[in-house]
Amino acid sequence: MTLASRLAVVAIASLFATGTAFAQTAAPAAKTAAPAAKTDATTTTDKKAPKEHSAESLECSKQADAKGLHGKERKKFRSECIKTAKGGAMPAPAADKK
């Protein structure tokens, strides 16, 4: 290979590398400008609001924590607890079925 052809190959390779570098930096700059244009009303509807937990759900979670329940046992306990709590009577927190 001659010196001229090597220089031509290096010049072409550098143009491809430079084009790729500019393309990668331009895309994030465009994304950061787009959210700034949104209004406050549209940004609040895009994000999900945290769910409000009922008093029964919170109480049953506390009881499950006190019993040290995890996994399927916790899910089953909470389900039964919430059903009975909405029925009117709360299960005793100290009662242990084990």
PDB file of N, CA and C in Angstrom:
ATOM      1  N   MET A   1       0.841  -1.178   0.000  1.00  0.00           N
ATOM      2  CA  MET A   1       0.000   0.000   0.000  1.00  0.00           C
ATOM      3  C   MET A   1       0.883   1.237   0.000  1.00  0.00           C
ATOM      4  N   THR A   2       0.476   2.211  -0.756  1.00  0.00           N
ATOM      5  CA  THR A   2       1.255   3.441  -0.813  1.00  0.00           C
ATOM      6  C   THR A   2       0.807   4.368   0.298  1.00  0.00           C
ATOM      7  N   LEU A   3       1.583   5.375   0.516  1.00  0.00           N
ATOM      8  CA  LEU A   3       1.300   6.344   1.570  1.00  0.00           C
ATOM      9  C   LEU A   3       0.007   7.097   1.286  1.00  0.00           C
ATOM     10  N   ALA A   4      -0.251   7.424   0.052  1.00  0.00           N
ATOM     11  CA  ALA A   4      -1.468   8.164  -0.313  1.00  0.00           C
ATOM     12  C   ALA A   4      -2.723   7.326  -0.047  1.00  0.00           C
ATOM     13  N   SER A   5      -2.669   6.044  -0.376  1.00  0.00           N
ATOM     14  CA  SER A   5      -3.844   5.205  -0.152  1.00  0.00           C
ATOM     15  C   SER A   5      -4.081   4.983   1.345  1.00  0.00           C
ATOM     16  N   ARG A   6      -3.010   4.896   2.118  1.00  0.00           N
ATOM     17  CA  ARG A   6      -3.157   4.769   3.574  1.00  0.00           C
ATOM     18  C   ARG A   6      -3.793   6.017   4.159  1.00  0.00           C
ATOM     19  N   LEU A   7      -3.359   7.171   3.694  1.00  0.00           N
ATOM     20  CA  LEU A   7      -3.931   8.430   4.174  1.00  0.00           C
ATOM     21  C   LEU A   7      -5.408   8.527   3.795  1.00  0.00           C
ATOM     22  N   ALA A   8      -5.756   8.065   2.606  1.00  0.00           N
ATOM     23  CA  ALA A   8      -7.146   8.100   2.170  1.00  0.00           C
ATOM     24  C   ALA A   8      -7.996   7.196   3.058  1.00  0.00           C
ATOM     25  N   VAL A   9      -7.503   6.018   3.382  1.00  0.00           N
ATOM     26  CA  VAL A   9      -8.235   5.085   4.248  1.00  0.00           C
ATOM     27  C   VAL A   9      -8.409   5.685   5.644  1.00  0.00           C
ATOM     28  N   VAL A  10      -7.367   6.293   6.177  1.00  0.00           N
ATOM     29  CA  VAL A  10      -7.446   6.914   7.502  1.00  0.00           C
ATOM     30  C   VAL A  10      -8.426   8.080   7.480  1.00  0.00           C
ATOM     31  N   ALA A  11      -8.434   8.875   6.429  1.00  0.00           N
ATOM     32  CA  ALA A  11      -9.346  10.014   6.332  1.00  0.00           C
ATOM     33  C   ALA A  11     -10.792   9.552   6.266  1.00  0.00           C
ATOM     34  N   ILE A  12     -11.067   8.520   5.482  1.00  0.00           N
ATOM     35  CA  ILE A  12     -12.431   8.003   5.380  1.00  0.00           C
ATOM     36  C   ILE A  12     -12.883   7.396   6.706  1.00  0.00           C
ATOM     37  N   ALA A  13     -11.993   6.646   7.358  1.00  0.00           N
ATOM     38  CA  ALA A  13     -12.335   6.048   8.652  1.00  0.00           C
ATOM     39  C   ALA A  13     -12.617   7.119   9.693  1.00  0.00           C
ATOM     40  N   SER A  14     -11.854   8.189   9.680  1.00  0.00           N
ATOM     41  CA  SER A  14     -12.077   9.257  10.661  1.00  0.00           C
ATOM     42  C   SER A  14     -13.394   9.979  10.391  1.00  0.00           C
ATOM     43  N   LEU A  15     -13.793  10.103   9.116  1.00  0.00           N
ATOM     44  CA  LEU A  15     -15.084  10.721   8.803  1.00  0.00           C
ATOM     45  C   LEU A  15     -16.240   9.860   9.337  1.00  0.00           C
ATOM     46  N   PHE A  16     -16.124   8.546   9.176  1.00  0.00           N
ATOM     47  CA  PHE A  16     -17.164   7.667   9.715  1.00  0.00           C
ATOM     48  C   PHE A  16     -17.217   7.746  11.236  1.00  0.00           C
ATOM     49  N   ALA A  17     -16.067   7.766  11.869  1.00  0.00           N
ATOM     50  CA  ALA A  17     -16.025   7.829  13.331  1.00  0.00           C
ATOM     51  C   ALA A  17     -16.578   9.155  13.834  1.00  0.00           C
ATOM     52  N   THR A  18     -16.260  10.244  13.158  1.00  0.00           N
ATOM     53  CA  THR A  18     -16.743  11.558  13.558  1.00  0.00           C
ATOM     54  C   THR A  18     -18.249  11.658  13.370  1.00  0.00           C
ATOM     55  N   GLY A  19     -18.753  11.136  12.269  1.00  0.00           N
ATOM     56  CA  GLY A  19     -20.199  11.159  12.027  1.00  0.00           C
ATOM     57  C   GLY A  19     -20.955  10.382  13.087  1.00  0.00           C
ATOM     58  N   THR A  20     -20.420   9.252  13.498  1.00  0.00           N
ATOM     59  CA  THR A  20     -21.053   8.443  14.536  1.00  0.00           C
ATOM     60  C   THR A  20     -21.029   9.174  15.869  1.00  0.00           C
ATOM     61  N   ALA A  21     -19.948   9.834  16.178  1.00  0.00           N
ATOM     62  CA  ALA A  21     -19.845  10.557  17.446  1.00  0.00           C
ATOM     63  C   ALA A  21     -20.840  11.700  17.504  1.00  0.00           C
ATOM     64  N   PHE A  22     -21.015  12.409  16.407  1.00  0.00           N
ATOM     65  CA  PHE A  22     -21.975  13.503  16.391  1.00  0.00           C
ATOM     66  C   PHE A  22     -23.410  12.987  16.454  1.00  0.00           C
ATOM     67  N   ALA A  23     -23.670  11.878  15.825  1.00  0.00           N
ATOM     68  CA  ALA A  23     -25.016  11.321  15.847  1.00  0.00           C
ATOM     69  C   ALA A  23     -25.400  10.874  17.253  1.00  0.00           C
ATOM     70  N   GLN A  24     -24.471  10.350  18.009  1.00  0.00           N
ATOM     71  CA  GLN A  24     -24.781   9.881  19.353  1.00  0.00           C
ATOM     72  C   GLN A  24     -25.005  11.043  20.317  1.00  0.00           C
ATOM     73  N   THR A  25     -24.323  12.142  20.156  1.00  0.00           N
ATOM     74  CA  THR A  25     -24.512  13.249  21.083  1.00  0.00           C
ATOM     75  C   THR A  25     -25.730  14.091  20.738  1.00  0.00           C
ATOM     76  N   ALA A  26     -26.172  14.094  19.498  1.00  0.00           N
ATOM     77  CA  ALA A  26     -27.315  14.909  19.112  1.00  0.00           C
ATOM     78  C   ALA A  26     -28.626  14.313  19.614  1.00  0.00           C
ATOM     79  N   ALA A  27     -28.750  12.997  19.652  1.00  0.00           N
ATOM     80  CA  ALA A  27     -30.004  12.366  20.053  1.00  0.00           C
ATOM     81  C   ALA A  27     -30.370  12.665  21.511  1.00  0.00           C
ATOM     82  N   PRO A  28     -29.470  12.517  22.496  1.00  0.00           N
ATOM     83  CA  PRO A  28     -29.862  12.844  23.867  1.00  0.00           C
ATOM     84  C   PRO A  28     -30.190  14.323  24.058  1.00  0.00           C
ATOM     85  N   ALA A  29     -29.548  15.206  23.323  1.00  0.00           N
ATOM     86  CA  ALA A  29     -29.839  16.626  23.460  1.00  0.00           C
ATOM     87  C   ALA A  29     -31.264  16.918  23.020  1.00  0.00           C
ATOM     88  N   ALA A  30     -31.743  16.225  21.992  1.00  0.00           N
ATOM     89  CA  ALA A  30     -33.110  16.424  21.528  1.00  0.00           C
ATOM     90  C   ALA A  30     -34.110  15.878  22.540  1.00  0.00           C
ATOM     91  N   LYS A  31     -33.782  14.792  23.217  1.00  0.00           N
ATOM     92  CA  LYS A  31     -34.688  14.210  24.201  1.00  0.00           C
ATOM     93  C   LYS A  31     -34.825  15.098  25.423  1.00  0.00           C
ATOM     94  N   THR A  32     -33.760  15.752  25.841  1.00  0.00           N
ATOM     95  CA  THR A  32     -33.846  16.595  27.029  1.00  0.00           C
ATOM     96  C   THR A  32     -34.643  17.856  26.758  1.00  0.00           C
ATOM     97  N   ALA A  33     -34.681  18.300  25.504  1.00  0.00           N
ATOM     98  CA  ALA A  33     -35.435  19.499  25.180  1.00  0.00           C
ATOM     99  C   ALA A  33     -36.933  19.209  25.124  1.00  0.00           C
ATOM    100  N   ALA A  34     -37.322  18.009  24.744  1.00  0.00           N
ATOM    101  CA  ALA A  34     -38.738  17.670  24.594  1.00  0.00           C
ATOM    102  C   ALA A  34     -39.507  17.685  25.923  1.00  0.00           C
ATOM    103  N   PRO A  35     -38.999  17.102  27.019  1.00  0.00           N
ATOM    104  CA  PRO A  35     -39.769  17.148  28.261  1.00  0.00           C
ATOM    105  C   PRO A  35     -39.934  18.562  28.809  1.00  0.00           C
ATOM    106  N   ALA A  36     -39.016  19.468  28.510  1.00  0.00           N
ATOM    107  CA  ALA A  36     -39.135  20.826  29.006  1.00  0.00           C
ATOM    108  C   ALA A  36     -40.312  21.534  28.356  1.00  0.00           C
ATOM    109  N   ALA A  37     -40.686  21.108  27.163  1.00  0.00           N
ATOM    110  CA  ALA A  37     -41.791  21.740  26.459  1.00  0.00           C
ATOM    111  C   ALA A  37     -43.143  21.277  26.988  1.00  0.00           C
ATOM    112  N   LYS A  38     -43.202  20.171  27.687  1.00  0.00           N
ATOM    113  CA  LYS A  38     -44.467  19.661  28.212  1.00  0.00           C
ATOM    114  C   LYS A  38     -44.977  20.553  29.337  1.00  0.00           C
ATOM    115  N   THR A  39     -46.294  20.577  29.473  1.00  0.00           N
ATOM    116  CA  THR A  39     -46.875  21.342  30.566  1.00  0.00           C
ATOM    117  C   THR A  39     -46.940  20.479  31.814  1.00  0.00           C
ATOM    118  N   ASP A  40     -47.240  21.084  32.929  1.00  0.00           N
ATOM    119  CA  ASP A  40     -47.319  20.346  34.190  1.00  0.00           C
ATOM    120  C   ASP A  40     -48.451  19.321  34.178  1.00  0.00           C
ATOM    121  N   ALA A  41     -49.539  19.624  33.504  1.00  0.00           N
ATOM    122  CA  ALA A  41     -50.683  18.713  33.477  1.00  0.00           C
ATOM    123  C   ALA A  41     -50.337  17.428  32.735  1.00  0.00           C
ATOM    124  N   THR A  42     -49.578  17.520  31.664  1.00  0.00           N
ATOM    125  CA  THR A  42     -49.248  16.320  30.909  1.00  0.00           C
ATOM    126  C   THR A  42     -48.204  15.485  31.620  1.00  0.00           C
ATOM    127  N   THR A  43     -47.306  16.097  32.362  1.00  0.00           N
ATOM    128  CA  THR A  43     -46.296  15.308  33.060  1.00  0.00           C
ATOM    129  C   THR A  43     -46.913  14.550  34.228  1.00  0.00           C
ATOM    130  N   THR A  44     -47.932  15.075  34.852  1.00  0.00           N
ATOM    131  CA  THR A  44     -48.553  14.358  35.968  1.00  0.00           C
ATOM    132  C   THR A  44     -49.368  13.180  35.472  1.00  0.00           C
ATOM    133  N   THR A  45     -49.938  13.267  34.268  1.00  0.00           N
ATOM    134  CA  THR A  45     -50.707  12.144  33.750  1.00  0.00           C
ATOM    135  C   THR A  45     -49.805  11.057  33.203  1.00  0.00           C
ATOM    136  N   ASP A  46     -48.576  11.388  32.810  1.00  0.00           N
ATOM    137  CA  ASP A  46     -47.647  10.385  32.299  1.00  0.00           C
ATOM    138  C   ASP A  46     -47.179   9.449  33.401  1.00  0.00           C
ATOM    139  N   LYS A  47     -46.946   9.977  34.579  1.00  0.00           N
ATOM    140  CA  LYS A  47     -46.453   9.165  35.694  1.00  0.00           C
ATOM    141  C   LYS A  47     -47.630   8.629  36.486  1.00  0.00           C
ATOM    142  N   LYS A  48     -47.502   7.385  36.931  1.00  0.00           N
ATOM    143  CA  LYS A  48     -48.568   6.800  37.744  1.00  0.00           C
ATOM    144  C   LYS A  48     -48.481   7.340  39.164  1.00  0.00           C
ATOM    145  N   ALA A  49     -49.610   7.719  39.691  1.00  0.00           N
ATOM    146  CA  ALA A  49     -49.656   8.194  41.064  1.00  0.00           C
ATOM    147  C   ALA A  49     -49.558   6.985  41.991  1.00  0.00           C
ATOM    148  N   PRO A  50     -48.893   7.140  43.134  1.00  0.00           N
ATOM    149  CA  PRO A  50     -48.812   6.019  44.063  1.00  0.00           C
ATOM    150  C   PRO A  50     -50.203   5.655  44.572  1.00  0.00           C
ATOM    151  N   LYS A  51     -50.437   4.358  44.710  1.00  0.00           N
ATOM    152  CA  LYS A  51     -51.750   3.895  45.165  1.00  0.00           C
ATOM    153  C   LYS A  51     -51.941   4.204  46.635  1.00  0.00           C
ATOM    154  N   GLU A  52     -53.144   4.613  46.963  1.00  0.00           N
ATOM    155  CA  GLU A  52     -53.510   4.823  48.353  1.00  0.00           C
ATOM    156  C   GLU A  52     -53.962   3.485  48.918  1.00  0.00           C
ATOM    157  N   HIS A  53     -53.374   3.061  50.018  1.00  0.00           N
ATOM    158  CA  HIS A  53     -53.732   1.796  50.646  1.00  0.00           C
ATOM    159  C   HIS A  53     -54.798   2.049  51.697  1.00  0.00           C
ATOM    160  N   SER A  54     -55.717   1.126  51.780  1.00  0.00           N
ATOM    161  CA  SER A  54     -56.802   1.269  52.744  1.00  0.00           C
ATOM    162  C   SER A  54     -56.273   1.003  54.154  1.00  0.00           C
ATOM    163  N   ALA A  55     -57.043   1.426  55.130  1.00  0.00           N
ATOM    164  CA  ALA A  55     -56.661   1.204  56.524  1.00  0.00           C
ATOM    165  C   ALA A  55     -56.610  -0.293  56.825  1.00  0.00           C
ATOM    166  N   GLU A  56     -57.545  -1.052  56.215  1.00  0.00           N
ATOM    167  CA  GLU A  56     -57.552  -2.495  56.432  1.00  0.00           C
ATOM    168  C   GLU A  56     -56.278  -3.139  55.891  1.00  0.00           C
ATOM    169  N   SER A  57     -55.867  -2.691  54.706  1.00  0.00           N
ATOM    170  CA  SER A  57     -54.672  -3.234  54.075  1.00  0.00           C
ATOM    171  C   SER A  57     -53.428  -2.944  54.913  1.00  0.00           C
ATOM    172  N   LEU A  58     -53.332  -1.725  55.410  1.00  0.00           N
ATOM    173  CA  LEU A  58     -52.175  -1.354  56.228  1.00  0.00           C
ATOM    174  C   LEU A  58     -52.143  -2.144  57.539  1.00  0.00           C
ATOM    175  N   GLU A  59     -53.306  -2.304  58.157  1.00  0.00           N
ATOM    176  CA  GLU A  59     -53.372  -3.050  59.417  1.00  0.00           C
ATOM    177  C   GLU A  59     -53.010  -4.513  59.199  1.00  0.00           C
ATOM    178  N   CYS A  60     -53.505  -5.093  58.112  1.00  0.00           N
ATOM    179  CA  CYS A  60     -53.192  -6.497  57.831  1.00  0.00           C
ATOM    180  C   CYS A  60     -51.708  -6.671  57.512  1.00  0.00           C
ATOM    181  N   SER A  61     -51.104  -5.695  56.870  1.00  0.00           N
ATOM    182  CA  SER A  61     -49.666  -5.749  56.592  1.00  0.00           C
ATOM    183  C   SER A  61     -48.869  -5.697  57.890  1.00  0.00           C
ATOM    184  N   LYS A  62     -49.298  -4.850  58.819  1.00  0.00           N
ATOM    185  CA  LYS A  62     -48.623  -4.776  60.117  1.00  0.00           C
ATOM    186  C   LYS A  62     -48.714  -6.106  60.859  1.00  0.00           C
ATOM    187  N   GLN A  63     -49.899  -6.734  60.790  1.00  0.00           N
ATOM    188  CA  GLN A  63     -50.075  -8.019  61.457  1.00  0.00           C
ATOM    189  C   GLN A  63     -49.200  -9.094  60.809  1.00  0.00           C
ATOM    190  N   ALA A  64     -49.116  -9.078  59.483  1.00  0.00           N
ATOM    191  CA  ALA A  64     -48.271 -10.051  58.783  1.00  0.00           C
ATOM    192  C   ALA A  64     -46.798  -9.825  59.121  1.00  0.00           C
ATOM    193  N   ASP A  65     -46.392  -8.568  59.259  1.00  0.00           N
ATOM    194  CA  ASP A  65     -45.013  -8.264  59.668  1.00  0.00           C
ATOM    195  C   ASP A  65     -44.744  -8.792  61.076  1.00  0.00           C
ATOM    196  N   ALA A  66     -45.712  -8.599  61.969  1.00  0.00           N
ATOM    197  CA  ALA A  66     -45.539  -9.054  63.350  1.00  0.00           C
ATOM    198  C   ALA A  66     -45.398 -10.571  63.416  1.00  0.00           C
ATOM    199  N   LYS A  67     -46.085 -11.280  62.517  1.00  0.00           N
ATOM    200  CA  LYS A  67     -45.992 -12.733  62.494  1.00  0.00           C
ATOM    201  C   LYS A  67     -44.776 -13.217  61.718  1.00  0.00           C
ATOM    202  N   GLY A  68     -44.123 -12.315  61.007  1.00  0.00           N
ATOM    203  CA  GLY A  68     -42.945 -12.689  60.230  1.00  0.00           C
ATOM    204  C   GLY A  68     -43.279 -13.488  58.981  1.00  0.00           C
ATOM    205  N   LEU A  69     -44.436 -13.223  58.393  1.00  0.00           N
ATOM    206  CA  LEU A  69     -44.858 -13.975  57.210  1.00  0.00           C
ATOM    207  C   LEU A  69     -44.216 -13.407  55.950  1.00  0.00           C
ATOM    208  N   HIS A  70     -43.898 -14.312  55.018  1.00  0.00           N
ATOM    209  CA  HIS A  70     -43.303 -13.922  53.748  1.00  0.00           C
ATOM    210  C   HIS A  70     -43.888 -14.786  52.638  1.00  0.00           C
ATOM    211  N   GLY A  71     -43.833 -14.280  51.420  1.00  0.00           N
ATOM    212  CA  GLY A  71     -44.218 -15.052  50.244  1.00  0.00           C
ATOM    213  C   GLY A  71     -45.690 -15.403  50.198  1.00  0.00           C
ATOM    214  N   LYS A  72     -45.958 -16.660  49.847  1.00  0.00           N
ATOM    215  CA  LYS A  72     -47.338 -17.114  49.669  1.00  0.00           C
ATOM    216  C   LYS A  72     -48.131 -17.060  50.966  1.00  0.00           C
ATOM    217  N   GLU A  73     -47.466 -17.371  52.092  1.00  0.00           N
ATOM    218  CA  GLU A  73     -48.173 -17.341  53.375  1.00  0.00           C
ATOM    219  C   GLU A  73     -48.633 -15.922  53.709  1.00  0.00           C
ATOM    220  N   ARG A  74     -47.769 -14.938  53.427  1.00  0.00           N
ATOM    221  CA  ARG A  74     -48.125 -13.539  53.689  1.00  0.00           C
ATOM    222  C   ARG A  74     -49.287 -13.116  52.797  1.00  0.00           C
ATOM    223  N   LYS A  75     -49.215 -13.483  51.517  1.00  0.00           N
ATOM    224  CA  LYS A  75     -50.264 -13.107  50.581  1.00  0.00           C
ATOM    225  C   LYS A  75     -51.604 -13.713  50.996  1.00  0.00           C
ATOM    226  N   LYS A  76     -51.581 -14.978  51.391  1.00  0.00           N
ATOM    227  CA  LYS A  76     -52.810 -15.655  51.808  1.00  0.00           C
ATOM    228  C   LYS A  76     -53.372 -15.013  53.079  1.00  0.00           C
ATOM    229  N   PHE A  77     -52.488 -14.731  54.044  1.00  0.00           N
ATOM    230  CA  PHE A  77     -52.927 -14.115  55.293  1.00  0.00           C
ATOM    231  C   PHE A  77     -53.548 -12.749  55.040  1.00  0.00           C
ATOM    232  N   ARG A  78     -52.878 -11.934  54.234  1.00  0.00           N
ATOM    233  CA  ARG A  78     -53.390 -10.588  53.962  1.00  0.00           C
ATOM    234  C   ARG A  78     -54.727 -10.642  53.236  1.00  0.00           C
ATOM    235  N   SER A  79     -54.858 -11.578  52.291  1.00  0.00           N
ATOM    236  CA  SER A  79     -56.113 -11.701  51.557  1.00  0.00           C
ATOM    237  C   SER A  79     -57.264 -12.028  52.502  1.00  0.00           C
ATOM    238  N   GLU A  80     -57.058 -13.014  53.372  1.00  0.00           N
ATOM    239  CA  GLU A  80     -58.105 -13.400  54.330  1.00  0.00           C
ATOM    240  C   GLU A  80     -58.369 -12.285  55.337  1.00  0.00           C
ATOM    241  N   CYS A  81     -57.321 -11.628  55.762  1.00  0.00           N
ATOM    242  CA  CYS A  81     -57.444 -10.552  56.743  1.00  0.00           C
ATOM    243  C   CYS A  81     -58.259  -9.388  56.177  1.00  0.00           C
ATOM    244  N   ILE A  82     -57.970  -9.017  54.937  1.00  0.00           N
ATOM    245  CA  ILE A  82     -58.684  -7.896  54.323  1.00  0.00           C
ATOM    246  C   ILE A  82     -60.153  -8.257  54.100  1.00  0.00           C
ATOM    247  N   LYS A  83     -60.414  -9.499  53.703  1.00  0.00           N
ATOM    248  CA  LYS A  83     -61.807  -9.931  53.521  1.00  0.00           C
ATOM    249  C   LYS A  83     -62.582  -9.846  54.826  1.00  0.00           C
ATOM    250  N   THR A  84     -61.982 -10.328  55.913  1.00  0.00           N
ATOM    251  CA  THR A  84     -62.683 -10.281  57.197  1.00  0.00           C
ATOM    252  C   THR A  84     -62.785  -8.855  57.721  1.00  0.00           C
ATOM    253  N   ALA A  85     -61.779  -8.028  57.441  1.00  0.00           N
ATOM    254  CA  ALA A  85     -61.814  -6.640  57.903  1.00  0.00           C
ATOM    255  C   ALA A  85     -62.914  -5.867  57.199  1.00  0.00           C
ATOM    256  N   LYS A  86     -63.105  -6.115  55.925  1.00  0.00           N
ATOM    257  CA  LYS A  86     -64.173  -5.429  55.200  1.00  0.00           C
ATOM    258  C   LYS A  86     -65.534  -5.987  55.575  1.00  0.00           C
ATOM    259  N   GLY A  87     -65.542  -7.217  56.097  1.00  0.00           N
ATOM    260  CA  GLY A  87     -66.784  -7.828  56.573  1.00  0.00           C
ATOM    261  C   GLY A  87     -67.233  -7.238  57.891  1.00  0.00           C
ATOM    262  N   GLY A  88     -66.336  -6.621  58.627  1.00  0.00           N
ATOM    263  CA  GLY A  88     -66.719  -5.960  59.870  1.00  0.00           C
ATOM    264  C   GLY A  88     -65.834  -6.268  61.042  1.00  0.00           C
ATOM    265  N   ALA A  89     -65.278  -7.456  61.161  1.00  0.00           N
ATOM    266  CA  ALA A  89     -64.485  -7.820  62.334  1.00  0.00           C
ATOM    267  C   ALA A  89     -63.030  -7.988  61.932  1.00  0.00           C
ATOM    268  N   MET A  90     -62.151  -7.380  62.697  1.00  0.00           N
ATOM    269  CA  MET A  90     -60.705  -7.523  62.467  1.00  0.00           C
ATOM    270  C   MET A  90     -60.217  -8.756  63.210  1.00  0.00           C
ATOM    271  N   PRO A  91     -59.364  -9.573  62.587  1.00  0.00           N
ATOM    272  CA  PRO A  91     -58.800 -10.707  63.311  1.00  0.00           C
ATOM    273  C   PRO A  91     -57.851 -10.223  64.396  1.00  0.00           C
ATOM    274  N   ALA A  92     -57.732 -11.007  65.442  1.00  0.00           N
ATOM    275  CA  ALA A  92     -56.866 -10.632  66.560  1.00  0.00           C
ATOM    276  C   ALA A  92     -55.415 -10.631  66.102  1.00  0.00           C
ATOM    277  N   PRO A  93     -54.665  -9.560  66.371  1.00  0.00           N
ATOM    278  CA  PRO A  93     -53.281  -9.501  65.908  1.00  0.00           C
ATOM    279  C   PRO A  93     -52.371 -10.502  66.601  1.00  0.00           C
ATOM    280  N   ALA A  94     -52.682 -10.897  67.838  1.00  0.00           N
ATOM    281  CA  ALA A  94     -51.798 -11.806  68.576  1.00  0.00           C
ATOM    282  C   ALA A  94     -52.067 -13.264  68.240  1.00  0.00           C
ATOM    283  N   ALA A  95     -53.193 -13.572  67.604  1.00  0.00           N
ATOM    284  CA  ALA A  95     -53.521 -14.967  67.301  1.00  0.00           C
ATOM    285  C   ALA A  95     -52.563 -15.504  66.260  1.00  0.00           C
ATOM    286  N   ASP A  96     -51.968 -16.652  66.563  1.00  0.00           N
ATOM    287  CA  ASP A  96     -51.016 -17.282  65.656  1.00  0.00           C
ATOM    288  C   ASP A  96     -51.539 -18.659  65.313  1.00  0.00           C
ATOM    289  N   LYS A  97     -51.660 -18.977  64.030  1.00  0.00           N
ATOM    290  CA  LYS A  97     -52.232 -20.241  63.599  1.00  0.00           C
ATOM    291  C   LYS A  97     -51.228 -21.374  63.624  1.00  0.00           C
ATOM    292  N   LYS A  98     -49.969 -21.108  63.820  1.00  0.00           N
ATOM    293  CA  LYS A  98     -48.927 -22.160  63.789  1.00  0.00           C
ATOM    294  C   LYS A  98     -48.876 -22.928  65.068  1.00  0.00           C
TER     295      LYS A  98
END
